[in-house]
């Protein structure tokens, strides 16, 4: 399930098989806003089944950084 908040997307997984597909879809959705704002994308794992994909001014444009907070 993807929930879109203006500059971030919360991804909640219901199965391991969809992990890569949903994260790729979230990154693709933020690609254009990232280009327009000249920001990179930060993928943060919040729990075993929850990720936040967001624009970040701390990440250079064209770069995707992964982070784990749990």
N, C-alpha and C. Protein backbone atom coordinates (compact mmCIF):
# COMPACT_ATOMS: atom_id res chain seq x y z
N UNK A 1 0.85 -1.18 0.00
CA UNK A 1 0.00 0.00 0.00
C UNK A 1 0.89 1.24 0.00
N UNK A 2 0.60 2.20 -0.87
CA UNK A 2 1.33 3.46 -0.93
C UNK A 2 0.42 4.57 -0.44
N UNK A 3 0.93 5.39 0.47
CA UNK A 3 0.19 6.56 0.92
C UNK A 3 1.06 7.76 0.59
N UNK A 4 0.57 8.66 -0.25
CA UNK A 4 1.36 9.79 -0.71
C UNK A 4 1.07 11.03 0.11
N UNK A 5 2.11 11.54 0.78
CA UNK A 5 2.07 12.83 1.44
C UNK A 5 2.95 13.72 0.57
N UNK A 6 2.67 14.95 0.46
CA UNK A 6 3.28 15.88 -0.50
C UNK A 6 4.69 15.51 -0.98
N UNK A 7 5.64 15.38 -0.08
CA UNK A 7 7.01 15.10 -0.50
C UNK A 7 7.54 13.80 0.08
N UNK A 8 6.66 12.94 0.57
CA UNK A 8 7.09 11.63 1.03
C UNK A 8 5.98 10.62 0.81
N UNK A 9 6.38 9.37 0.76
CA UNK A 9 5.44 8.28 0.53
C UNK A 9 5.72 7.22 1.59
N UNK A 10 4.68 6.81 2.30
CA UNK A 10 4.80 5.74 3.28
C UNK A 10 4.45 4.43 2.58
N UNK A 11 5.34 3.46 2.66
CA UNK A 11 5.13 2.16 2.04
C UNK A 11 4.98 1.14 3.16
N UNK A 12 3.84 0.45 3.18
CA UNK A 12 3.60 -0.61 4.15
C UNK A 12 3.45 -1.92 3.39
N UNK A 13 4.29 -2.87 3.71
CA UNK A 13 4.31 -4.13 2.99
C UNK A 13 3.37 -5.15 3.60
N UNK A 14 2.75 -5.92 2.73
CA UNK A 14 1.92 -7.02 3.20
C UNK A 14 2.58 -8.36 2.90
N UNK A 15 3.68 -8.33 2.15
CA UNK A 15 4.43 -9.54 1.84
C UNK A 15 5.80 -9.19 1.31
N UNK A 16 6.76 -10.03 1.57
CA UNK A 16 8.16 -9.81 1.18
C UNK A 16 8.32 -9.69 -0.34
N UNK A 17 7.52 -10.43 -1.09
CA UNK A 17 7.65 -10.45 -2.55
C UNK A 17 7.41 -9.09 -3.19
N UNK A 18 6.63 -8.23 -2.57
CA UNK A 18 6.32 -6.93 -3.17
C UNK A 18 7.27 -5.82 -2.75
N UNK A 19 8.22 -6.09 -1.90
CA UNK A 19 9.13 -5.07 -1.36
C UNK A 19 9.77 -4.23 -2.46
N UNK A 20 10.49 -4.86 -3.34
CA UNK A 20 11.23 -4.11 -4.37
C UNK A 20 10.28 -3.35 -5.29
N UNK A 21 9.17 -3.97 -5.69
CA UNK A 21 8.22 -3.32 -6.59
C UNK A 21 7.63 -2.05 -5.97
N UNK A 22 7.18 -2.12 -4.72
CA UNK A 22 6.56 -0.95 -4.09
C UNK A 22 7.58 0.16 -3.82
N UNK A 23 8.78 -0.22 -3.41
CA UNK A 23 9.80 0.82 -3.19
C UNK A 23 10.20 1.48 -4.50
N UNK A 24 10.34 0.69 -5.56
CA UNK A 24 10.65 1.25 -6.88
C UNK A 24 9.54 2.20 -7.34
N UNK A 25 8.29 1.82 -7.11
CA UNK A 25 7.16 2.67 -7.51
C UNK A 25 7.17 3.99 -6.73
N UNK A 26 7.48 3.93 -5.45
CA UNK A 26 7.53 5.15 -4.63
C UNK A 26 8.66 6.07 -5.10
N UNK A 27 9.83 5.51 -5.36
CA UNK A 27 10.95 6.31 -5.85
C UNK A 27 10.61 6.92 -7.21
N UNK A 28 9.98 6.16 -8.09
CA UNK A 28 9.59 6.68 -9.41
C UNK A 28 8.61 7.84 -9.28
N UNK A 29 7.70 7.74 -8.32
CA UNK A 29 6.72 8.81 -8.13
C UNK A 29 7.37 10.11 -7.64
N UNK A 30 8.46 9.99 -6.89
CA UNK A 30 9.14 11.18 -6.37
C UNK A 30 10.25 11.69 -7.29
N UNK A 31 10.51 10.98 -8.39
CA UNK A 31 11.60 11.37 -9.28
C UNK A 31 11.45 12.79 -9.81
N UNK A 32 10.28 13.11 -10.36
CA UNK A 32 10.07 14.44 -10.94
C UNK A 32 10.12 15.55 -9.89
N UNK A 33 9.44 15.41 -8.74
CA UNK A 33 9.58 16.44 -7.70
C UNK A 33 11.04 16.60 -7.24
N UNK A 34 11.78 15.50 -7.17
CA UNK A 34 13.19 15.58 -6.77
C UNK A 34 13.98 16.40 -7.78
N UNK A 35 13.71 16.18 -9.05
CA UNK A 35 14.41 16.94 -10.10
C UNK A 35 14.06 18.42 -10.01
N UNK A 36 12.77 18.71 -9.85
CA UNK A 36 12.32 20.10 -9.78
C UNK A 36 12.91 20.85 -8.58
N UNK A 37 13.06 20.14 -7.46
CA UNK A 37 13.58 20.77 -6.24
C UNK A 37 15.08 20.57 -6.06
N UNK A 38 15.71 19.85 -7.01
CA UNK A 38 17.14 19.56 -6.95
C UNK A 38 17.51 18.89 -5.63
N UNK A 39 16.74 17.86 -5.28
CA UNK A 39 16.96 17.11 -4.04
C UNK A 39 17.09 15.63 -4.36
N UNK A 40 17.70 14.91 -3.43
CA UNK A 40 17.81 13.47 -3.56
C UNK A 40 16.64 12.80 -2.85
N UNK A 41 16.70 11.47 -2.82
CA UNK A 41 15.64 10.69 -2.22
C UNK A 41 16.21 9.86 -1.07
N UNK A 42 15.52 9.88 0.05
CA UNK A 42 15.91 9.14 1.24
C UNK A 42 14.88 8.05 1.49
N UNK A 43 15.33 6.80 1.54
CA UNK A 43 14.47 5.66 1.84
C UNK A 43 14.79 5.21 3.26
N UNK A 44 13.82 5.33 4.15
CA UNK A 44 14.04 5.00 5.56
C UNK A 44 13.18 3.81 5.95
N UNK A 45 13.84 2.79 6.48
CA UNK A 45 13.10 1.63 7.00
C UNK A 45 12.71 1.95 8.43
N UNK A 46 11.40 1.99 8.68
CA UNK A 46 10.88 2.37 9.99
C UNK A 46 10.55 1.16 10.86
N UNK A 47 10.26 0.04 10.23
CA UNK A 47 9.98 -1.21 10.93
C UNK A 47 10.17 -2.35 9.93
N UNK A 48 9.86 -3.56 10.35
CA UNK A 48 10.04 -4.70 9.45
C UNK A 48 9.19 -4.60 8.20
N UNK A 49 8.04 -3.93 8.28
CA UNK A 49 7.16 -3.84 7.12
C UNK A 49 6.81 -2.42 6.72
N UNK A 50 7.54 -1.43 7.20
CA UNK A 50 7.19 -0.04 6.94
C UNK A 50 8.42 0.77 6.50
N UNK A 51 8.24 1.50 5.42
CA UNK A 51 9.29 2.36 4.87
C UNK A 51 8.71 3.74 4.58
N UNK A 52 9.56 4.76 4.66
CA UNK A 52 9.19 6.09 4.19
C UNK A 52 10.17 6.46 3.08
N UNK A 53 9.63 6.87 1.95
CA UNK A 53 10.44 7.32 0.82
C UNK A 53 10.16 8.81 0.69
N UNK A 54 11.20 9.64 0.84
CA UNK A 54 10.97 11.08 0.88
C UNK A 54 12.06 11.86 0.17
N UNK A 55 11.70 13.07 -0.23
CA UNK A 55 12.69 14.00 -0.78
C UNK A 55 13.53 14.50 0.38
N UNK A 56 14.80 14.77 0.10
CA UNK A 56 15.68 15.26 1.16
C UNK A 56 16.68 16.27 0.59
N UNK A 57 16.70 17.44 1.18
CA UNK A 57 17.67 18.46 0.79
C UNK A 57 19.08 18.05 1.23
N UNK A 58 19.18 17.10 2.16
CA UNK A 58 20.48 16.62 2.63
C UNK A 58 21.09 15.56 1.71
N UNK A 59 20.31 15.11 0.73
CA UNK A 59 20.79 14.10 -0.23
C UNK A 59 20.94 14.79 -1.58
N UNK A 60 22.12 14.69 -2.20
CA UNK A 60 22.32 15.34 -3.50
C UNK A 60 21.36 14.79 -4.56
N UNK A 61 20.94 15.66 -5.48
CA UNK A 61 20.05 15.25 -6.57
C UNK A 61 20.68 14.10 -7.34
N UNK A 62 19.87 13.12 -7.68
CA UNK A 62 20.34 11.97 -8.44
C UNK A 62 20.80 10.81 -7.56
N UNK A 63 20.80 11.01 -6.26
CA UNK A 63 21.27 9.99 -5.32
C UNK A 63 20.09 9.49 -4.49
N UNK A 64 20.09 8.19 -4.20
CA UNK A 64 19.11 7.60 -3.29
C UNK A 64 19.90 7.00 -2.13
N UNK A 65 19.57 7.40 -0.92
CA UNK A 65 20.25 6.90 0.27
C UNK A 65 19.26 6.08 1.09
N UNK A 66 19.73 4.96 1.62
CA UNK A 66 18.91 4.12 2.48
C UNK A 66 19.31 4.35 3.93
N UNK A 67 18.30 4.34 4.80
CA UNK A 67 18.50 4.57 6.23
C UNK A 67 17.63 3.60 7.01
N UNK A 68 18.07 3.18 8.19
CA UNK A 68 17.27 2.31 9.04
C UNK A 68 17.12 2.98 10.39
N UNK A 69 15.88 3.07 10.90
CA UNK A 69 15.67 3.74 12.18
C UNK A 69 15.17 2.81 13.27
N UNK A 70 15.02 1.53 13.02
CA UNK A 70 14.50 0.63 14.05
C UNK A 70 15.49 -0.41 14.43
